[in-house]
């Protein structure tokens, strides 16, 4: 791998390790990518334990999912990454995780209000507003790895007003300029769902 993909590969492996260690995703779930050029991206592999990825595991693919460099298969969600990059020219990295709290609450219909809601100040932190955008999109579950899911997620992000999509019974996707900001965005997504859930519980227990 060239120097450029080498740095991206190192960062992707490290971010997925951190995500696994922090309980943001499972050993077999989640994926991440970094846009290198307009038609090339570094992406995590399919079928490998996320807590022990190395830079040698990361693949370089084109927008058709064809492997340009690396061994193995790219993430089964490569279509989702490609579709997002096509509709969001400002996005440099994508992180998809399976945070249990966020997924469970969204599936149960317990989602934070948009910042435009008068009560948002009780929930949205300044950091979350910056990283996640004006709202969090929530969509129904689609078969994983399919073009149907890829298009649904990309469409949810296409208006540039949101940097986060939660897929019911599946997980969450965040986008950012770089992979470290994407990890911060995932942290903020979990934070805001936690704050909202605490408030939701307190209102019912009062």
C-alpha atoms as a PDB file:
ATOM      1  CA  UNK A   1       0.000   0.000   0.000  1.00  0.00           C
ATOM      2  CA  UNK A   2       1.142   3.536  -0.698  1.00  0.00           C
ATOM      3  CA  UNK A   3       1.922   6.033   1.995  1.00  0.00           C
ATOM      4  CA  UNK A   4      -1.486   7.712   1.736  1.00  0.00           C
ATOM      5  CA  UNK A   5      -3.505   4.499   2.078  1.00  0.00           C
ATOM      6  CA  UNK A   6      -1.077   3.362   4.773  1.00  0.00           C
ATOM      7  CA  UNK A   7      -1.970   6.302   7.033  1.00  0.00           C
ATOM      8  CA  UNK A   8      -5.681   5.848   6.354  1.00  0.00           C
ATOM      9  CA  UNK A   9      -5.401   2.115   7.017  1.00  0.00           C
ATOM     10  CA  UNK A  10      -3.671   2.741  10.326  1.00  0.00           C
ATOM     11  CA  UNK A  11      -6.346   5.212  11.415  1.00  0.00           C
ATOM     12  CA  UNK A  12      -9.245   2.962  10.398  1.00  0.00           C
ATOM     13  CA  UNK A  13      -7.825  -0.005  12.295  1.00  0.00           C
ATOM     14  CA  UNK A  14      -7.249   2.128  15.390  1.00  0.00           C
ATOM     15  CA  UNK A  15     -10.696   3.720  15.315  1.00  0.00           C
ATOM     16  CA  UNK A  16     -12.452   0.360  15.014  1.00  0.00           C
ATOM     17  CA  UNK A  17     -10.425  -1.001  17.927  1.00  0.00           C
ATOM     18  CA  UNK A  18     -11.451   1.991  20.044  1.00  0.00           C
ATOM     19  CA  UNK A  19     -15.078   1.636  18.974  1.00  0.00           C
ATOM     20  CA  UNK A  20     -15.056  -2.030  19.983  1.00  0.00           C
ATOM     21  CA  UNK A  21     -13.295  -1.410  23.297  1.00  0.00           C
ATOM     22  CA  UNK A  22     -15.769   1.317  24.201  1.00  0.00           C
ATOM     23  CA  UNK A  23     -18.760  -0.865  23.393  1.00  0.00           C
ATOM     24  CA  UNK A  24     -19.837   1.226  20.435  1.00  0.00           C
ATOM     25  CA  UNK A  25     -19.873  -1.811  18.179  1.00  0.00           C
ATOM     26  CA  UNK A  26     -19.636  -5.591  18.302  1.00  0.00           C
ATOM     27  CA  UNK A  27     -16.722  -7.755  17.282  1.00  0.00           C
ATOM     28  CA  UNK A  28     -18.393  -8.783  14.058  1.00  0.00           C
ATOM     29  CA  UNK A  29     -20.391  -5.630  13.381  1.00  0.00           C
ATOM     30  CA  UNK A  30     -19.635  -2.155  12.159  1.00  0.00           C
ATOM     31  CA  UNK A  31     -17.403  -0.726   9.471  1.00  0.00           C
ATOM     32  CA  UNK A  32     -15.607   2.455   8.539  1.00  0.00           C
ATOM     33  CA  UNK A  33     -14.047   4.162   5.544  1.00  0.00           C
ATOM     34  CA  UNK A  34     -11.942   7.147   4.541  1.00  0.00           C
ATOM     35  CA  UNK A  35     -12.247   8.885   1.196  1.00  0.00           C
ATOM     36  CA  UNK A  36      -8.803   9.107  -0.407  1.00  0.00           C
ATOM     37  CA  UNK A  37      -9.666  10.457  -3.838  1.00  0.00           C
ATOM     38  CA  UNK A  38     -12.910  11.182  -5.608  1.00  0.00           C
ATOM     39  CA  UNK A  39     -13.257   7.570  -6.723  1.00  0.00           C
ATOM     40  CA  UNK A  40     -11.173   5.642  -4.159  1.00  0.00           C
ATOM     41  CA  UNK A  41     -11.695   4.810  -0.512  1.00  0.00           C
ATOM     42  CA  UNK A  42     -10.003   2.851   2.239  1.00  0.00           C
ATOM     43  CA  UNK A  43     -12.493   0.571   3.986  1.00  0.00           C
ATOM     44  CA  UNK A  44     -12.548  -2.028   6.740  1.00  0.00           C
ATOM     45  CA  UNK A  45     -12.798  -5.711   5.772  1.00  0.00           C
ATOM     46  CA  UNK A  46     -15.636  -8.174   6.008  1.00  0.00           C
ATOM     47  CA  UNK A  47     -15.537 -11.100   8.418  1.00  0.00           C
ATOM     48  CA  UNK A  48     -12.747  -9.943  10.738  1.00  0.00           C
ATOM     49  CA  UNK A  49     -12.918  -9.224  14.462  1.00  0.00           C
ATOM     50  CA  UNK A  50     -13.149  -5.460  14.853  1.00  0.00           C
ATOM     51  CA  UNK A  51     -11.215  -5.357  18.110  1.00  0.00           C
ATOM     52  CA  UNK A  52      -8.028  -6.721  16.516  1.00  0.00           C
ATOM     53  CA  UNK A  53      -7.846  -5.102  13.109  1.00  0.00           C
ATOM     54  CA  UNK A  54      -4.444  -4.101  11.767  1.00  0.00           C
ATOM     55  CA  UNK A  55      -3.593  -1.755   8.935  1.00  0.00           C
ATOM     56  CA  UNK A  56      -2.830  -4.783   6.755  1.00  0.00           C
ATOM     57  CA  UNK A  57      -6.519  -5.755   6.976  1.00  0.00           C
ATOM     58  CA  UNK A  58      -7.743  -2.504   5.401  1.00  0.00           C
ATOM     59  CA  UNK A  59      -8.675  -2.528   1.715  1.00  0.00           C
ATOM     60  CA  UNK A  60      -8.542   0.059  -1.028  1.00  0.00           C
ATOM     61  CA  UNK A  61     -11.598  -0.073  -3.293  1.00  0.00           C
ATOM     62  CA  UNK A  62     -13.111   1.969  -6.096  1.00  0.00           C
ATOM     63  CA  UNK A  63     -16.695   3.195  -6.340  1.00  0.00           C
ATOM     64  CA  UNK A  64     -17.770  -0.123  -7.857  1.00  0.00           C
ATOM     65  CA  UNK A  65     -16.554  -2.063  -4.838  1.00  0.00           C
ATOM     66  CA  UNK A  66     -13.614  -3.536  -6.720  1.00  0.00           C
ATOM     67  CA  UNK A  67     -10.519  -4.187  -4.597  1.00  0.00           C
ATOM     68  CA  UNK A  68      -7.568  -2.126  -5.818  1.00  0.00           C
ATOM     69  CA  UNK A  69      -5.183  -3.057  -3.005  1.00  0.00           C
ATOM     70  CA  UNK A  70      -5.282  -5.415  -0.031  1.00  0.00           C
ATOM     71  CA  UNK A  71      -6.382  -8.975   0.624  1.00  0.00           C
ATOM     72  CA  UNK A  72      -9.846 -10.214   1.471  1.00  0.00           C
ATOM     73  CA  UNK A  73     -13.305  -8.781   0.949  1.00  0.00           C
ATOM     74  CA  UNK A  74     -14.429  -5.236   1.732  1.00  0.00           C
ATOM     75  CA  UNK A  75     -17.190  -4.665   4.261  1.00  0.00           C
ATOM     76  CA  UNK A  76     -20.567  -5.947   3.136  1.00  0.00           C
ATOM     77  CA  UNK A  77     -21.780  -2.354   3.588  1.00  0.00           C
ATOM     78  CA  UNK A  78     -19.398  -0.911   0.985  1.00  0.00           C
ATOM     79  CA  UNK A  79     -22.397   0.135  -1.124  1.00  0.00           C
ATOM     80  CA  UNK A  80     -23.626   2.322   1.721  1.00  0.00           C
ATOM     81  CA  UNK A  81     -20.256   4.066   1.976  1.00  0.00           C
ATOM     82  CA  UNK A  82     -20.075   4.639  -1.775  1.00  0.00           C
ATOM     83  CA  UNK A  83     -23.612   6.016  -1.947  1.00  0.00           C
ATOM     84  CA  UNK A  84     -22.961   8.433   0.922  1.00  0.00           C
ATOM     85  CA  UNK A  85     -19.787   9.767  -0.672  1.00  0.00           C
ATOM     86  CA  UNK A  86     -21.683  10.327  -3.910  1.00  0.00           C
ATOM     87  CA  UNK A  87     -24.291  12.580  -2.254  1.00  0.00           C
ATOM     88  CA  UNK A  88     -22.034  14.302   0.295  1.00  0.00           C
ATOM     89  CA  UNK A  89     -18.942  15.890  -1.203  1.00  0.00           C
ATOM     90  CA  UNK A  90     -18.052  17.387   2.201  1.00  0.00           C
ATOM     91  CA  UNK A  91     -17.708  13.954   3.834  1.00  0.00           C
ATOM     92  CA  UNK A  92     -14.217  12.533   4.229  1.00  0.00           C
ATOM     93  CA  UNK A  93     -14.983   9.596   6.524  1.00  0.00           C
ATOM     94  CA  UNK A  94     -17.868   7.333   7.528  1.00  0.00           C
ATOM     95  CA  UNK A  95     -18.298   5.271  10.684  1.00  0.00           C
ATOM     96  CA  UNK A  96     -20.993   2.638  11.127  1.00  0.00           C
ATOM     97  CA  UNK A  97     -21.374   1.057  14.571  1.00  0.00           C
ATOM     98  CA  UNK A  98     -23.884  -1.018  16.503  1.00  0.00           C
ATOM     99  CA  UNK A  99     -24.369   0.903  19.773  1.00  0.00           C
ATOM    100  CA  UNK A 100     -26.929  -1.147  21.688  1.00  0.00           C
ATOM    101  CA  UNK A 101     -28.458   1.767  23.595  1.00  0.00           C
ATOM    102  CA  UNK A 102     -29.028   3.894  20.508  1.00  0.00           C
ATOM    103  CA  UNK A 103     -30.343   1.005  18.419  1.00  0.00           C
ATOM    104  CA  UNK A 104     -32.650  -0.242  21.160  1.00  0.00           C
ATOM    105  CA  UNK A 105     -34.125   3.167  21.911  1.00  0.00           C
ATOM    106  CA  UNK A 106     -34.638   4.066  18.256  1.00  0.00           C
ATOM    107  CA  UNK A 107     -36.293   0.722  17.593  1.00  0.00           C
ATOM    108  CA  UNK A 108     -38.606   1.440  20.546  1.00  0.00           C
ATOM    109  CA  UNK A 109     -39.452   4.875  19.187  1.00  0.00           C
ATOM    110  CA  UNK A 110     -37.576   6.819  21.870  1.00  0.00           C
ATOM    111  CA  UNK A 111     -35.584   9.386  19.899  1.00  0.00           C
ATOM    112  CA  UNK A 112     -34.212  12.815  20.826  1.00  0.00           C
ATOM    113  CA  UNK A 113     -36.158  15.822  19.520  1.00  0.00           C
ATOM    114  CA  UNK A 114     -34.629  18.000  16.837  1.00  0.00           C
ATOM    115  CA  UNK A 115     -32.689  21.072  18.007  1.00  0.00           C
ATOM    116  CA  UNK A 116     -35.529  23.225  16.622  1.00  0.00           C
ATOM    117  CA  UNK A 117     -37.805  21.805  19.339  1.00  0.00           C
ATOM    118  CA  UNK A 118     -38.145  24.319  22.219  1.00  0.00           C
ATOM    119  CA  UNK A 119     -37.037  21.606  24.656  1.00  0.00           C
ATOM    120  CA  UNK A 120     -33.798  20.812  22.833  1.00  0.00           C
ATOM    121  CA  UNK A 121     -31.666  22.810  25.283  1.00  0.00           C
ATOM    122  CA  UNK A 122     -32.326  20.112  27.892  1.00  0.00           C
ATOM    123  CA  UNK A 123     -30.836  17.472  25.619  1.00  0.00           C
ATOM    124  CA  UNK A 124     -28.539  18.756  22.883  1.00  0.00           C
ATOM    125  CA  UNK A 125     -25.031  19.711  23.931  1.00  0.00           C
ATOM    126  CA  UNK A 126     -23.046  22.252  21.925  1.00  0.00           C
ATOM    127  CA  UNK A 127     -20.720  19.487  20.751  1.00  0.00           C
ATOM    128  CA  UNK A 128     -23.561  17.270  19.566  1.00  0.00           C
ATOM    129  CA  UNK A 129     -25.141  20.128  17.613  1.00  0.00           C
ATOM    130  CA  UNK A 130     -21.857  20.755  15.811  1.00  0.00           C
ATOM    131  CA  UNK A 131     -21.044  17.126  15.086  1.00  0.00           C
ATOM    132  CA  UNK A 132     -24.481  15.680  14.363  1.00  0.00           C
ATOM    133  CA  UNK A 133     -26.110  18.542  12.490  1.00  0.00           C
ATOM    134  CA  UNK A 134     -29.637  19.891  12.787  1.00  0.00           C
ATOM    135  CA  UNK A 135     -31.272  16.532  13.400  1.00  0.00           C
ATOM    136  CA  UNK A 136     -30.793  12.802  13.708  1.00  0.00           C
ATOM    137  CA  UNK A 137     -32.450  10.774  10.983  1.00  0.00           C
ATOM    138  CA  UNK A 138     -34.124   7.487  11.946  1.00  0.00           C
ATOM    139  CA  UNK A 139     -35.028   4.972   9.250  1.00  0.00           C
ATOM    140  CA  UNK A 140     -36.605   1.532   9.149  1.00  0.00           C
ATOM    141  CA  UNK A 141     -34.462  -1.558   8.921  1.00  0.00           C
ATOM    142  CA  UNK A 142     -33.426  -2.766   5.475  1.00  0.00           C
ATOM    143  CA  UNK A 143     -31.521  -5.957   4.572  1.00  0.00           C
ATOM    144  CA  UNK A 144     -27.875  -5.400   5.454  1.00  0.00           C
ATOM    145  CA  UNK A 145     -25.346  -5.034   2.665  1.00  0.00           C
ATOM    146  CA  UNK A 146     -28.012  -4.240   0.082  1.00  0.00           C
ATOM    147  CA  UNK A 147     -28.392  -1.380  -2.347  1.00  0.00           C
ATOM    148  CA  UNK A 148     -31.774  -0.729  -0.730  1.00  0.00           C
ATOM    149  CA  UNK A 149     -30.129   0.034   2.617  1.00  0.00           C
ATOM    150  CA  UNK A 150     -27.317   1.983   0.962  1.00  0.00           C
ATOM    151  CA  UNK A 151     -29.729   4.281  -0.866  1.00  0.00           C
ATOM    152  CA  UNK A 152     -31.957   4.779   2.189  1.00  0.00           C
ATOM    153  CA  UNK A 153     -29.040   5.891   4.366  1.00  0.00           C
ATOM    154  CA  UNK A 154     -27.531   8.096   1.663  1.00  0.00           C
ATOM    155  CA  UNK A 155     -30.874   9.759   0.954  1.00  0.00           C
ATOM    156  CA  UNK A 156     -31.279  10.521   4.661  1.00  0.00           C
ATOM    157  CA  UNK A 157     -27.970  12.400   4.619  1.00  0.00           C
ATOM    158  CA  UNK A 158     -28.322  14.061   1.216  1.00  0.00           C
ATOM    159  CA  UNK A 159     -29.779  17.377   2.450  1.00  0.00           C
ATOM    160  CA  UNK A 160     -26.615  18.217   4.411  1.00  0.00           C
ATOM    161  CA  UNK A 161     -28.746  18.972   7.498  1.00  0.00           C
ATOM    162  CA  UNK A 162     -27.825  15.777   9.339  1.00  0.00           C
ATOM    163  CA  UNK A 163     -24.610  13.865   9.929  1.00  0.00           C
ATOM    164  CA  UNK A 164     -26.200  10.886  11.670  1.00  0.00           C
ATOM    165  CA  UNK A 165     -28.631   8.149  10.705  1.00  0.00           C
ATOM    166  CA  UNK A 166     -29.973   5.488  13.060  1.00  0.00           C
ATOM    167  CA  UNK A 167     -31.262   2.296  11.465  1.00  0.00           C
ATOM    168  CA  UNK A 168     -33.887   0.537  13.565  1.00  0.00           C
ATOM    169  CA  UNK A 169     -32.787  -2.919  14.759  1.00  0.00           C
ATOM    170  CA  UNK A 170     -29.417  -2.442  13.077  1.00  0.00           C
ATOM    171  CA  UNK A 171     -27.147   0.404  14.186  1.00  0.00           C
ATOM    172  CA  UNK A 172     -25.991   3.937  13.488  1.00  0.00           C
ATOM    173  CA  UNK A 173     -24.052   5.730  10.773  1.00  0.00           C
ATOM    174  CA  UNK A 174     -22.207   9.020  11.210  1.00  0.00           C
ATOM    175  CA  UNK A 175     -20.269  11.104   8.703  1.00  0.00           C
ATOM    176  CA  UNK A 176     -17.557  13.727   9.183  1.00  0.00           C
ATOM    177  CA  UNK A 177     -14.584  15.422   7.560  1.00  0.00           C
ATOM    178  CA  UNK A 178     -12.184  12.881   9.046  1.00  0.00           C
ATOM    179  CA  UNK A 179     -12.378   9.562  10.872  1.00  0.00           C
ATOM    180  CA  UNK A 180     -11.570  11.022  14.294  1.00  0.00           C
ATOM    181  CA  UNK A 181     -14.409  13.512  14.043  1.00  0.00           C
ATOM    182  CA  UNK A 182     -16.615  10.607  12.981  1.00  0.00           C
ATOM    183  CA  UNK A 183     -15.668   8.740  16.160  1.00  0.00           C
ATOM    184  CA  UNK A 184     -16.456  11.872  18.178  1.00  0.00           C
ATOM    185  CA  UNK A 185     -19.803  12.109  16.399  1.00  0.00           C
ATOM    186  CA  UNK A 186     -20.610   8.521  17.354  1.00  0.00           C
ATOM    187  CA  UNK A 187     -19.754   9.359  20.962  1.00  0.00           C
ATOM    188  CA  UNK A 188     -22.073  12.363  20.799  1.00  0.00           C
ATOM    189  CA  UNK A 189     -24.852  10.268  19.302  1.00  0.00           C
ATOM    190  CA  UNK A 190     -24.671   7.848  22.223  1.00  0.00           C
ATOM    191  CA  UNK A 191     -24.489  10.779  24.651  1.00  0.00           C
ATOM    192  CA  UNK A 192     -27.570  12.520  23.307  1.00  0.00           C
ATOM    193  CA  UNK A 193     -29.611   9.306  23.278  1.00  0.00           C
ATOM    194  CA  UNK A 194     -28.533   8.637  26.862  1.00  0.00           C
ATOM    195  CA  UNK A 195     -29.473  12.152  28.015  1.00  0.00           C
ATOM    196  CA  UNK A 196     -32.824  11.910  26.271  1.00  0.00           C
ATOM    197  CA  UNK A 197     -33.532   8.494  27.781  1.00  0.00           C
ATOM    198  CA  UNK A 198     -32.728   9.721  31.294  1.00  0.00           C
ATOM    199  CA  UNK A 199     -35.133  12.609  30.819  1.00  0.00           C
ATOM    200  CA  UNK A 200     -37.755  10.275  29.323  1.00  0.00           C
ATOM    201  CA  UNK A 201     -37.473   8.009  32.379  1.00  0.00           C
ATOM    202  CA  UNK A 202     -37.507  10.844  34.887  1.00  0.00           C
ATOM    203  CA  UNK A 203     -40.736  12.221  33.422  1.00  0.00           C
ATOM    204  CA  UNK A 204     -42.406   8.846  33.833  1.00  0.00           C
ATOM    205  CA  UNK A 205     -41.081   8.174  37.321  1.00  0.00           C
ATOM    206  CA  UNK A 206     -41.862  11.617  38.703  1.00  0.00           C
END
